């Protein structure tokens, strides 16, 4: 497992996600932060939130070290989808009139 975590980090992973598929079966995946273009592509589908989240997940999931069930299994996908907002870090900004 440590080798998989190390490889995921080398591939740009910032987050790890786990979904309990059944009692002794965990689907594990690694995610990178989305780029502006990836966010734009996902937000362009905002009329269809599930499709939008699927586009974002497919863009951020590091497939080489992740369980494909996170995308292909509906129950896994729905569980991961509820966590996707954590991929986006909102920084504080301020503006002032000069």
N, C-alpha and C. Protein backbone atom coordinates (compact mmCIF):
# COMPACT_ATOMS: atom_id res chain seq x y z
N UNK A 1 0.81 -1.20 0.00
CA UNK A 1 0.00 0.00 0.00
C UNK A 1 0.85 1.26 0.00
N UNK A 2 1.94 1.27 0.74
CA UNK A 2 2.79 2.45 0.79
C UNK A 2 3.38 2.74 -0.58
N UNK A 3 3.74 1.69 -1.33
CA UNK A 3 4.26 1.88 -2.68
C UNK A 3 3.22 2.54 -3.58
N UNK A 4 1.96 2.14 -3.43
CA UNK A 4 0.89 2.72 -4.23
C UNK A 4 0.71 4.19 -3.85
N UNK A 5 0.75 4.51 -2.57
CA UNK A 5 0.64 5.90 -2.13
C UNK A 5 1.79 6.73 -2.68
N UNK A 6 2.99 6.18 -2.64
CA UNK A 6 4.18 6.88 -3.13
C UNK A 6 4.07 7.14 -4.63
N UNK A 7 3.66 6.11 -5.38
CA UNK A 7 3.51 6.27 -6.82
C UNK A 7 2.45 7.31 -7.14
N UNK A 8 1.35 7.29 -6.37
CA UNK A 8 0.27 8.26 -6.57
C UNK A 8 0.78 9.68 -6.36
N UNK A 9 1.58 9.90 -5.33
CA UNK A 9 2.14 11.22 -5.08
C UNK A 9 3.05 11.65 -6.22
N UNK A 10 3.85 10.72 -6.72
CA UNK A 10 4.73 11.02 -7.86
C UNK A 10 3.93 11.42 -9.10
N UNK A 11 2.73 10.89 -9.22
CA UNK A 11 1.86 11.19 -10.36
C UNK A 11 1.02 12.44 -10.14
N UNK A 12 1.19 13.08 -8.99
CA UNK A 12 0.49 14.35 -8.73
C UNK A 12 -0.69 14.27 -7.80
N UNK A 13 -0.86 13.15 -7.12
CA UNK A 13 -2.00 13.00 -6.22
C UNK A 13 -1.90 13.96 -5.04
N UNK A 14 -3.01 14.56 -4.72
CA UNK A 14 -3.12 15.44 -3.58
C UNK A 14 -4.12 14.88 -2.57
N UNK A 15 -5.04 14.06 -3.06
CA UNK A 15 -6.10 13.51 -2.23
C UNK A 15 -6.21 12.00 -2.45
N UNK A 16 -6.68 11.31 -1.43
CA UNK A 16 -6.99 9.89 -1.51
C UNK A 16 -8.46 9.74 -1.14
N UNK A 17 -9.16 8.89 -1.85
CA UNK A 17 -10.56 8.64 -1.56
C UNK A 17 -10.76 7.13 -1.44
N UNK A 18 -11.58 6.74 -0.48
CA UNK A 18 -11.91 5.32 -0.29
C UNK A 18 -13.42 5.18 -0.16
N UNK A 19 -13.94 4.15 -0.81
CA UNK A 19 -15.36 3.84 -0.73
C UNK A 19 -15.51 2.38 -0.34
N UNK A 20 -16.31 2.12 0.68
CA UNK A 20 -16.57 0.74 1.09
C UNK A 20 -17.59 0.15 0.12
N UNK A 21 -17.13 -0.79 -0.69
CA UNK A 21 -17.99 -1.44 -1.68
C UNK A 21 -18.82 -2.52 -1.01
N UNK A 22 -18.17 -3.31 -0.18
CA UNK A 22 -18.84 -4.32 0.63
C UNK A 22 -18.03 -4.47 1.91
N UNK A 23 -18.42 -5.40 2.75
CA UNK A 23 -17.81 -5.51 4.08
C UNK A 23 -16.28 -5.59 4.05
N UNK A 24 -15.71 -6.36 3.16
CA UNK A 24 -14.25 -6.51 3.11
C UNK A 24 -13.66 -6.02 1.79
N UNK A 25 -14.32 -5.09 1.15
CA UNK A 25 -13.87 -4.61 -0.16
C UNK A 25 -13.92 -3.09 -0.20
N UNK A 26 -12.75 -2.48 -0.37
CA UNK A 26 -12.63 -1.03 -0.42
C UNK A 26 -12.12 -0.62 -1.81
N UNK A 27 -12.81 0.31 -2.44
CA UNK A 27 -12.33 0.89 -3.70
C UNK A 27 -11.55 2.15 -3.31
N UNK A 28 -10.29 2.19 -3.72
CA UNK A 28 -9.40 3.29 -3.33
C UNK A 28 -8.94 4.03 -4.58
N UNK A 29 -8.90 5.34 -4.47
CA UNK A 29 -8.45 6.14 -5.60
C UNK A 29 -7.67 7.35 -5.15
N UNK A 30 -6.98 7.93 -6.12
CA UNK A 30 -6.15 9.10 -5.86
C UNK A 30 -6.56 10.20 -6.84
N UNK A 31 -6.60 11.41 -6.32
CA UNK A 31 -7.07 12.54 -7.12
C UNK A 31 -6.06 13.67 -7.11
N UNK A 32 -5.98 14.36 -8.22
CA UNK A 32 -5.18 15.58 -8.29
C UNK A 32 -6.15 16.77 -8.28
N UNK A 33 -5.63 17.94 -8.01
CA UNK A 33 -6.46 19.13 -8.04
C UNK A 33 -6.83 19.44 -9.49
N UNK A 34 -8.05 19.90 -9.73
CA UNK A 34 -8.45 20.22 -11.10
C UNK A 34 -7.80 21.51 -11.59
N UNK A 35 -7.55 21.57 -12.88
CA UNK A 35 -7.04 22.79 -13.49
C UNK A 35 -8.23 23.71 -13.80
N UNK A 36 -7.92 24.92 -14.16
CA UNK A 36 -8.98 25.87 -14.54
C UNK A 36 -9.77 25.34 -15.73
N UNK A 37 -9.08 24.77 -16.71
CA UNK A 37 -9.76 24.23 -17.89
C UNK A 37 -10.66 23.06 -17.53
N UNK A 38 -10.21 22.21 -16.62
CA UNK A 38 -11.04 21.08 -16.20
C UNK A 38 -12.27 21.56 -15.44
N UNK A 39 -12.09 22.58 -14.61
CA UNK A 39 -13.24 23.15 -13.89
C UNK A 39 -14.22 23.76 -14.88
N UNK A 40 -13.70 24.45 -15.88
CA UNK A 40 -14.56 25.07 -16.89
C UNK A 40 -15.37 24.01 -17.64
N UNK A 41 -14.72 22.92 -18.01
CA UNK A 41 -15.42 21.84 -18.72
C UNK A 41 -16.53 21.25 -17.86
N UNK A 42 -16.25 21.07 -16.58
CA UNK A 42 -17.26 20.52 -15.68
C UNK A 42 -18.40 21.51 -15.47
N UNK A 43 -18.07 22.77 -15.26
CA UNK A 43 -19.10 23.78 -15.01
C UNK A 43 -19.96 24.05 -16.24
N UNK A 44 -19.41 23.79 -17.43
CA UNK A 44 -20.20 23.97 -18.66
C UNK A 44 -21.39 23.01 -18.68
N UNK A 45 -21.30 21.96 -17.90
CA UNK A 45 -22.39 20.97 -17.83
C UNK A 45 -23.23 21.15 -16.57
N UNK A 46 -23.24 22.34 -16.01
CA UNK A 46 -23.91 22.56 -14.73
C UNK A 46 -25.41 22.28 -14.77
N UNK A 47 -26.00 22.23 -15.95
CA UNK A 47 -27.42 21.87 -16.05
C UNK A 47 -27.64 20.40 -15.71
N UNK A 48 -26.57 19.61 -15.78
CA UNK A 48 -26.62 18.18 -15.46
C UNK A 48 -25.54 17.91 -14.41
N UNK A 49 -25.85 18.09 -13.12
CA UNK A 49 -24.84 17.99 -12.07
C UNK A 49 -24.13 16.64 -12.00
N UNK A 50 -24.81 15.57 -12.28
CA UNK A 50 -24.17 14.25 -12.23
C UNK A 50 -23.15 14.14 -13.36
N UNK A 51 -23.52 14.55 -14.54
CA UNK A 51 -22.57 14.51 -15.67
C UNK A 51 -21.40 15.46 -15.40
N UNK A 52 -21.68 16.61 -14.85
CA UNK A 52 -20.63 17.57 -14.51
C UNK A 52 -19.63 16.96 -13.53
N UNK A 53 -20.14 16.30 -12.50
CA UNK A 53 -19.25 15.65 -11.53
C UNK A 53 -18.48 14.49 -12.14
N UNK A 54 -19.10 13.79 -13.08
CA UNK A 54 -18.41 12.69 -13.75
C UNK A 54 -17.23 13.22 -14.57
N UNK A 55 -17.44 14.31 -15.27
CA UNK A 55 -16.36 14.93 -16.05
C UNK A 55 -15.22 15.35 -15.13
N UNK A 56 -15.56 15.97 -14.01
CA UNK A 56 -14.54 16.41 -13.05
C UNK A 56 -13.80 15.22 -12.46
N UNK A 57 -14.52 14.18 -12.06
CA UNK A 57 -13.88 13.00 -11.48
C UNK A 57 -12.94 12.34 -12.49
N UNK A 58 -13.39 12.17 -13.71
CA UNK A 58 -12.55 11.55 -14.73
C UNK A 58 -11.30 12.38 -15.02
N UNK A 59 -11.42 13.68 -14.91
CA UNK A 59 -10.27 14.56 -15.15
C UNK A 59 -9.26 14.51 -14.00
N UNK A 60 -9.73 14.31 -12.79
CA UNK A 60 -8.86 14.40 -11.61
C UNK A 60 -8.38 13.04 -11.10
N UNK A 61 -9.08 11.98 -11.42
CA UNK A 61 -8.71 10.65 -10.93
C UNK A 61 -7.44 10.18 -11.62
N UNK A 62 -6.46 9.77 -10.85
CA UNK A 62 -5.21 9.24 -11.41
C UNK A 62 -5.44 7.76 -11.66
N UNK A 63 -5.79 7.45 -12.88
CA UNK A 63 -6.26 6.11 -13.24
C UNK A 63 -5.22 5.02 -13.06
N UNK A 64 -3.93 5.36 -13.20
CA UNK A 64 -2.87 4.37 -13.09
C UNK A 64 -2.82 3.70 -11.71
N UNK A 65 -3.28 4.39 -10.68
CA UNK A 65 -3.19 3.87 -9.31
C UNK A 65 -4.55 3.85 -8.60
N UNK A 66 -5.63 4.00 -9.36
CA UNK A 66 -6.96 4.07 -8.75
C UNK A 66 -7.85 2.93 -9.22
N UNK A 67 -8.77 2.57 -8.37
CA UNK A 67 -9.74 1.52 -8.68
C UNK A 67 -10.78 2.10 -9.65
N UNK A 68 -10.94 1.47 -10.80
CA UNK A 68 -11.86 1.98 -11.82
C UNK A 68 -13.32 1.97 -11.38
N UNK A 69 -13.63 1.19 -10.33
CA UNK A 69 -15.01 1.15 -9.85
C UNK A 69 -15.48 2.50 -9.34
N UNK A 70 -14.53 3.39 -9.00
CA UNK A 70 -14.92 4.72 -8.54
C UNK A 70 -15.66 5.48 -9.64
N UNK A 71 -15.43 5.09 -10.88
CA UNK A 71 -16.14 5.70 -12.01
C UNK A 71 -17.22 4.78 -12.55
N UNK A 72 -16.95 3.48 -12.62
CA UNK A 72 -17.87 2.56 -13.29
C UNK A 72 -19.00 2.05 -12.40
N UNK A 73 -18.80 1.98 -11.10
CA UNK A 73 -19.82 1.49 -10.18
C UNK A 73 -20.65 2.69 -9.70
N UNK A 74 -21.94 2.65 -9.95
CA UNK A 74 -22.80 3.79 -9.61
C UNK A 74 -22.76 4.15 -8.12
N UNK A 75 -22.77 3.15 -7.26
CA UNK A 75 -22.74 3.42 -5.82
C UNK A 75 -21.42 4.09 -5.41
N UNK A 76 -20.32 3.60 -5.96
CA UNK A 76 -19.02 4.21 -5.67
C UNK A 76 -18.96 5.64 -6.20
N UNK A 77 -19.41 5.81 -7.44
CA UNK A 77 -19.39 7.13 -8.05
C UNK A 77 -20.19 8.13 -7.23
N UNK A 78 -21.38 7.74 -6.80
CA UNK A 78 -22.23 8.66 -6.03
C UNK A 78 -21.57 9.02 -4.69
N UNK A 79 -20.87 8.07 -4.10
CA UNK A 79 -20.17 8.36 -2.84
C UNK A 79 -19.03 9.34 -3.06
N UNK A 80 -18.24 9.11 -4.12
CA UNK A 80 -17.12 10.00 -4.42
C UNK A 80 -17.63 11.38 -4.82
N UNK A 81 -18.68 11.42 -5.57
CA UNK A 81 -19.24 12.68 -6.06
C UNK A 81 -19.56 13.63 -4.91
N UNK A 82 -19.96 13.09 -3.77
CA UNK A 82 -20.28 13.93 -2.61
C UNK A 82 -19.03 14.57 -2.00
N UNK A 83 -17.85 14.10 -2.38
CA UNK A 83 -16.60 14.62 -1.83
C UNK A 83 -15.86 15.55 -2.80
N UNK A 84 -16.32 15.66 -4.02
CA UNK A 84 -15.57 16.40 -5.04
C UNK A 84 -15.35 17.87 -4.72
N UNK A 85 -16.26 18.46 -3.98
CA UNK A 85 -16.09 19.89 -3.65
C UNK A 85 -14.83 20.13 -2.83
N UNK A 86 -14.33 19.11 -2.16
CA UNK A 86 -13.12 19.24 -1.36
C UNK A 86 -11.86 19.35 -2.21
N UNK A 87 -11.98 19.09 -3.52
CA UNK A 87 -10.83 19.22 -4.41
C UNK A 87 -10.47 20.68 -4.67
N UNK A 88 -11.43 21.55 -4.44
CA UNK A 88 -11.24 22.95 -4.79
C UNK A 88 -11.02 23.76 -3.52
N UNK A 89 -9.83 24.30 -3.41
CA UNK A 89 -9.49 25.12 -2.25
C UNK A 89 -9.81 26.57 -2.59
N UNK A 90 -10.66 27.16 -1.78
CA UNK A 90 -11.05 28.55 -2.01
C UNK A 90 -10.16 29.44 -1.15
N UNK A 91 -9.37 30.26 -1.82
CA UNK A 91 -8.49 31.20 -1.12
C UNK A 91 -9.28 32.47 -0.80
N UNK A 92 -8.86 33.16 0.22
CA UNK A 92 -9.48 34.42 0.57
C UNK A 92 -8.86 35.54 -0.26
N UNK A 93 -9.67 36.42 -0.73
CA UNK A 93 -9.21 37.57 -1.50
C UNK A 93 -9.94 38.81 -1.00
N UNK A 94 -9.37 39.94 -1.24
CA UNK A 94 -10.05 41.17 -0.88
C UNK A 94 -9.86 42.18 -2.00
N UNK A 95 -10.77 43.10 -2.05
CA UNK A 95 -10.69 44.15 -3.06
C UNK A 95 -11.02 45.46 -2.37
N UNK A 96 -10.34 46.51 -2.78
CA UNK A 96 -10.64 47.81 -2.18
C UNK A 96 -10.60 48.87 -3.26
N UNK A 97 -11.43 49.82 -3.08
CA UNK A 97 -11.52 50.93 -4.03
C UNK A 97 -10.37 51.89 -3.76
N UNK A 98 -9.75 52.34 -4.80
CA UNK A 98 -8.64 53.30 -4.66
C UNK A 98 -9.12 54.72 -4.82
